[in-house]
Structure formats: structure tokens, C-alpha cells
Amino acid sequence: MLDAAPRFKLGSESELTYRLKWAAWEWLYRQAGCRCIGFEVRLQGPWGSVVDVVGVGPGNAIYAVEVKASRSDFARDNHTNADIARLQKRANALSRRIALANTPTYQPANNDQSRLELEQKRLRQRLATVSTKFHDPRFLSIADYHYIMAPPNIVRPETLPPAWGLLTPTPTELTPAPPKPTRKTTGTITNTLRAITRANTTAMMRAHGVQWGEDGAEFPPYADGENSTP
């Protein structure tokens, strides 16, 4: 495995996540044949998705790899719209119960209202962080192949969402990702390569302590149109 010296490590990510990203980089280079690879690549414009590792391989095939260091990290993105709807239904029912508990005619049990309010707080927090990324058609349209890179036993092959493959940090492909019939144009490839180049430039500048602006703010956004990346 490649030496994952922490030169390009983000301050917010764990050592394990960083090493998993490098394992994905190595697999893309050695096994998938990618020669243009970047970390933290923002695709689909300035408000688009940030992908942990992106590579462009033979035949301009685009690979997107999401790194998951824990089961909870994996589970957070592995929800469907139906899951969100069920959580919202629970939240609505809970709101009605709390409203009932606040009526003068209601005689609550000891700590009943506090318990309901605590449950409501936890449910709201869950709704705020839950993601449908692994099942989102728009996200799945950004690449020909989507993979999850995770330590052994964190993601089981049978729990993989449809259209995703599974990598482990040896690096080894446990489950091949099925190719998707993406509609790519020359502009799509150009924008992907541009996004990878910008991500790598940003990473190189950060690694060498380069900053912009009098206030020390790093890396101002580009201003060249819809497909710009900050």
C-alpha cells in the first residue's frame, strides 16, 4: 500500500479515513488504470456533490469512491426516500402527541412530556443528518462506476446499495460495481478533469501552507461559470 504520509490530510478527517482514501487512490491507479485522480472532488458545479476520491480511467470511464470508516458513517448515507418519509411521519405523529400533552385537559404521567420532547429532539437531529446519497439518481449519474471503500466487516456485500461496488484497503475489489449507462459528452469529461485538477491544486496549496486574502481565508471560489468549484 502507498505511504499515506499526512501531508494532504484534512484537519477534520481521521487517520483511518485518510488511509482509506489513499487505498482507494492506489486501487484506482493500479487496478482501474486511472491516471487522473483527486481527493475531495466537487462535481456538478459549485453546489454539487463532493466525492471522496474521483478517477478517470481508460475510455474516459469515471470512477467515484466514497470512503466509510464506520458502520454509522455508512448507514447515514444508505437511506431511501421511503426511509425519509417514514421518519417524517414519526416526527409528525410525535408533534401531535406533544401538542396534546400541552392541552389543559391532558393529564400526563410523570416526565411524559419531557420524554416526548427529548424523543422529538433526537428525531429532528436524525432527520437533519440522514442522507439518501447512495440511492440518489442525480449522484449516481456523475460517474460510470461507484464504489464504497471501507475496512473489513464494516460493509457486508449483501448490504450494498444497488449500483455500488465494494473495496477494502488492501486494496482489493470485493464486489465489482456494475457500469451505469451514463450519458457523457466531451464537456462532461472536461468538467470532471477540471474538477480533479482544481481539487489537486487546492490540496497542494494547503499542504504547502498557501493562503489567500488578508484574513487568511483559503482558496477563494473561481468565477468561470456554472461548473466552477470553490
Protein backbone atom coordinates (compact mmCIF):
# COMPACT_ATOMS: atom_id res chain seq x y z
CA MET A 1 0.00 0.00 0.00
CA LEU A 2 1.17 3.54 -0.73
CA ASP A 3 2.78 5.55 2.07
CA ALA A 4 -0.06 7.70 3.35
CA ALA A 5 2.04 10.47 4.93
CA PRO A 6 -0.32 13.10 6.39
CA ARG A 7 0.75 15.91 4.05
CA PHE A 8 -2.67 16.07 2.35
CA LYS A 9 -4.78 15.06 5.35
CA LEU A 10 -7.73 17.34 6.12
CA GLY A 11 -7.92 18.55 9.69
CA SER A 12 -11.46 17.24 10.05
CA GLU A 13 -10.79 13.66 8.97
CA SER A 14 -9.47 10.74 10.98
CA GLU A 15 -6.23 8.92 10.28
CA LEU A 16 -8.27 5.87 9.23
CA THR A 17 -10.33 7.86 6.74
CA TYR A 18 -7.17 9.38 5.29
CA ARG A 19 -5.54 5.98 4.80
CA LEU A 20 -8.72 4.61 3.22
CA LYS A 21 -8.65 7.46 0.72
CA TRP A 22 -5.09 6.56 -0.24
CA ALA A 23 -6.08 2.90 -0.56
CA ALA A 24 -8.82 3.98 -2.96
CA TRP A 25 -6.28 6.10 -4.87
CA GLU A 26 -3.98 3.07 -5.17
CA TRP A 27 -6.76 0.79 -6.40
CA LEU A 28 -7.86 3.36 -8.99
CA TYR A 29 -4.31 3.74 -10.26
CA ARG A 30 -3.15 0.13 -10.24
CA GLN A 31 -6.34 -1.83 -10.90
CA ALA A 32 -8.73 0.53 -12.68
CA GLY A 33 -5.97 2.14 -14.74
CA CYS A 34 -6.86 5.71 -13.80
CA ARG A 35 -4.19 8.32 -14.50
CA CYS A 36 -6.12 11.34 -13.30
CA ILE A 37 -7.18 11.01 -9.65
CA GLY A 38 -8.15 13.51 -6.98
CA PHE A 39 -9.36 13.74 -3.38
CA GLU A 40 -12.41 15.75 -2.30
CA VAL A 41 -13.55 16.48 -5.84
CA ARG A 42 -16.61 18.67 -6.27
CA LEU A 43 -18.61 17.57 -9.30
CA GLN A 44 -21.69 19.10 -10.94
CA GLY A 45 -20.80 22.73 -10.29
CA PRO A 46 -20.16 24.85 -7.18
CA TRP A 47 -23.17 23.43 -5.33
CA GLY A 48 -22.64 19.87 -6.47
CA SER A 49 -21.54 16.75 -4.67
CA VAL A 50 -18.10 16.43 -3.09
CA VAL A 51 -16.78 12.92 -3.74
CA ASP A 52 -14.01 11.48 -1.54
CA VAL A 53 -11.96 10.11 -4.44
CA VAL A 54 -12.57 10.51 -8.18
CA GLY A 55 -10.61 8.98 -11.05
CA VAL A 56 -10.79 8.97 -14.83
CA GLY A 57 -9.63 5.74 -16.44
CA PRO A 58 -9.36 4.08 -19.85
CA GLY A 59 -12.09 5.04 -22.27
CA ASN A 60 -12.81 8.13 -20.13
CA ALA A 61 -14.59 5.95 -17.57
CA ILE A 62 -15.33 7.99 -14.45
CA TYR A 63 -14.96 6.33 -11.03
CA ALA A 64 -16.41 7.75 -7.81
CA VAL A 65 -15.31 6.29 -4.46
CA GLU A 66 -16.95 7.09 -1.13
CA VAL A 67 -14.90 6.27 1.98
CA LYS A 68 -16.74 4.87 5.01
CA ALA A 69 -14.69 4.25 8.14
CA SER A 70 -17.54 3.02 10.37
CA ARG A 71 -20.93 1.35 10.19
CA SER A 72 -22.67 4.51 11.35
CA ASP A 73 -20.96 6.53 8.62
CA PHE A 74 -22.14 4.01 6.03
CA ALA A 75 -25.67 3.83 7.45
CA ARG A 76 -26.08 7.62 7.40
CA ASP A 77 -25.97 7.73 3.58
CA ASN A 78 -27.74 4.43 2.97
CA HIS A 79 -31.35 5.64 3.12
CA THR A 80 -34.07 5.87 0.51
CA ASN A 81 -36.76 8.49 0.10
CA ALA A 82 -39.17 5.99 1.64
CA ASP A 83 -36.97 5.90 4.78
CA ILE A 84 -37.08 9.69 4.98
CA ALA A 85 -40.86 9.65 4.59
CA ARG A 86 -41.21 7.15 7.44
CA LEU A 87 -39.04 9.28 9.73
CA GLN A 88 -41.04 12.38 8.84
CA LYS A 89 -44.28 10.53 9.56
CA ARG A 90 -42.95 9.61 13.01
CA ALA A 91 -41.92 13.21 13.60
CA ASN A 92 -45.40 14.48 12.67
CA ALA A 93 -47.08 11.96 14.98
CA LEU A 94 -44.74 12.96 17.79
CA SER A 95 -45.57 16.63 17.30
CA ARG A 96 -49.25 15.83 17.63
CA ARG A 97 -48.63 13.92 20.87
CA ILE A 98 -46.63 16.83 22.29
CA ALA A 99 -49.39 19.27 21.33
CA LEU A 100 -51.89 17.02 23.12
CA ALA A 101 -49.66 16.90 26.19
CA ASN A 102 -49.78 20.69 26.35
CA THR A 103 -53.58 20.91 26.46
CA PRO A 104 -55.21 21.72 29.84
CA THR A 105 -57.37 18.57 29.78
CA TYR A 106 -54.41 16.23 29.33
CA GLN A 107 -53.11 14.55 32.49
CA PRO A 108 -49.58 13.41 31.66
CA ALA A 109 -47.69 10.77 33.54
CA ASN A 110 -44.57 11.79 35.38
CA ASN A 111 -41.93 13.15 32.96
CA ASP A 112 -44.13 12.14 29.99
CA GLN A 113 -43.82 15.50 28.27
CA SER A 114 -40.06 15.71 28.86
CA ARG A 115 -39.63 12.24 27.40
CA LEU A 116 -41.62 13.16 24.29
CA GLU A 117 -39.67 16.36 23.80
CA LEU A 118 -36.36 14.52 24.14
CA GLU A 119 -37.52 11.94 21.59
CA GLN A 120 -38.58 14.75 19.26
CA LYS A 121 -35.15 16.40 19.57
CA ARG A 122 -33.36 13.17 18.71
CA LEU A 123 -35.64 12.52 15.75
CA ARG A 124 -35.06 16.03 14.40
CA GLN A 125 -31.32 15.55 14.70
CA ARG A 126 -31.58 12.29 12.80
CA LEU A 127 -33.65 13.87 10.04
CA ALA A 128 -31.10 16.68 9.76
CA THR A 129 -28.21 14.27 9.17
CA VAL A 130 -29.80 11.39 7.28
CA SER A 131 -28.80 11.14 3.62
CA THR A 132 -30.05 9.35 0.51
CA LYS A 133 -26.72 9.76 -1.31
CA PHE A 134 -26.26 6.07 -2.13
CA HIS A 135 -29.71 5.91 -3.76
CA ASP A 136 -29.85 9.41 -5.29
CA PRO A 137 -30.22 9.18 -9.11
CA ARG A 138 -28.50 12.55 -9.53
CA PHE A 139 -25.48 11.44 -7.54
CA LEU A 140 -25.39 8.13 -9.37
CA SER A 141 -25.35 9.99 -12.69
CA ILE A 142 -21.95 11.62 -12.05
CA ALA A 143 -19.85 8.51 -12.76
CA ASP A 144 -19.75 5.24 -14.67
CA TYR A 145 -18.75 3.29 -11.56
CA HIS A 146 -19.48 3.95 -7.88
CA TYR A 147 -17.56 2.23 -5.10
CA ILE A 148 -17.51 2.24 -1.31
CA MET A 149 -14.10 1.86 0.33
CA ALA A 150 -14.38 0.52 3.87
CA PRO A 151 -12.39 -1.54 6.40
CA PRO A 152 -13.18 -5.27 6.56
CA ASN A 153 -16.54 -6.19 8.11
CA ILE A 154 -17.83 -2.60 8.12
CA VAL A 155 -19.90 -3.04 4.95
CA ARG A 156 -21.09 -6.51 4.01
CA PRO A 157 -21.58 -7.23 0.30
CA GLU A 158 -25.23 -8.16 0.87
CA THR A 159 -25.91 -4.71 2.40
CA LEU A 160 -24.50 -2.78 -0.55
CA PRO A 161 -26.98 -0.41 -2.18
CA PRO A 162 -27.78 -1.16 -5.84
CA ALA A 163 -25.26 0.09 -8.43
CA TRP A 164 -22.38 0.20 -5.92
CA GLY A 165 -19.23 -1.90 -5.63
CA LEU A 166 -17.12 -2.57 -2.54
CA LEU A 167 -13.38 -2.05 -1.98
CA THR A 168 -11.22 -2.97 1.01
CA PRO A 169 -7.94 -1.26 1.95
CA THR A 170 -5.52 -3.97 0.77
CA PRO A 171 -6.66 -2.57 -1.77
CA THR A 172 -8.96 -5.24 -3.20
CA GLU A 173 -12.24 -5.21 -5.08
CA LEU A 174 -14.66 -7.39 -3.10
CA THR A 175 -17.75 -6.61 -5.16
CA PRO A 176 -17.50 -5.18 -8.69
CA ALA A 177 -19.55 -2.09 -9.37
CA PRO A 178 -21.95 -2.56 -12.28
CA PRO A 179 -21.41 0.01 -15.05
CA LYS A 180 -24.16 2.56 -15.43
CA PRO A 181 -25.41 3.84 -18.78
CA THR A 182 -24.21 7.41 -18.14
CA ARG A 183 -24.73 9.97 -20.89
CA LYS A 184 -21.29 11.56 -21.15
CA THR A 185 -20.23 14.26 -23.56
CA THR A 186 -16.88 15.87 -24.21
CA GLY A 187 -17.99 18.61 -21.84
CA THR A 188 -18.70 16.08 -19.09
CA ILE A 189 -15.18 14.65 -19.28
CA THR A 190 -13.64 18.11 -19.50
CA ASN A 191 -15.54 19.30 -16.44
CA THR A 192 -14.57 16.18 -14.47
CA LEU A 193 -10.90 16.58 -15.35
CA ARG A 194 -11.09 20.26 -14.46
CA ALA A 195 -12.70 19.44 -11.10
CA ILE A 196 -9.97 16.89 -10.30
CA THR A 197 -7.26 19.40 -11.26
CA ARG A 198 -8.77 22.06 -9.02
CA ALA A 199 -9.07 19.63 -6.11
CA ASN A 200 -5.43 18.60 -6.52
CA THR A 201 -4.29 22.22 -6.81
CA THR A 202 -6.18 23.10 -3.64
CA ALA A 203 -4.68 20.10 -1.82
CA MET A 204 -1.16 21.02 -2.95
CA MET A 205 -1.58 24.64 -1.88
CA ARG A 206 -2.97 23.60 1.50
CA ALA A 207 -0.11 21.13 2.01
CA HIS A 208 2.39 23.94 1.47
CA GLY A 209 0.57 26.46 3.66
CA VAL A 210 -0.56 28.76 0.86
CA GLN A 211 -3.38 31.10 1.86
CA TRP A 212 -5.38 33.83 0.16
CA GLY A 213 -6.68 37.09 1.50
CA GLU A 214 -5.71 39.39 4.32
CA ASP A 215 -7.90 37.48 6.75
CA GLY A 216 -6.15 34.21 5.93
CA ALA A 217 -9.20 32.74 4.15
CA GLU A 218 -8.05 29.93 1.88
CA PHE A 219 -8.80 29.26 -1.76
CA PRO A 220 -11.44 31.72 -3.00
CA PRO A 221 -14.08 30.37 -5.41
CA TYR A 222 -13.46 30.51 -9.12
CA ALA A 223 -15.68 32.67 -11.26
CA ASP A 224 -15.78 30.96 -14.62
CA GLY A 225 -19.38 29.88 -14.81
CA GLU A 226 -21.72 27.10 -13.80
CA ASN A 227 -19.11 24.40 -13.40
CA SER A 228 -16.81 26.34 -11.08
CA THR A 229 -15.62 24.80 -7.85
CA PRO A 230 -14.62 26.63 -4.66
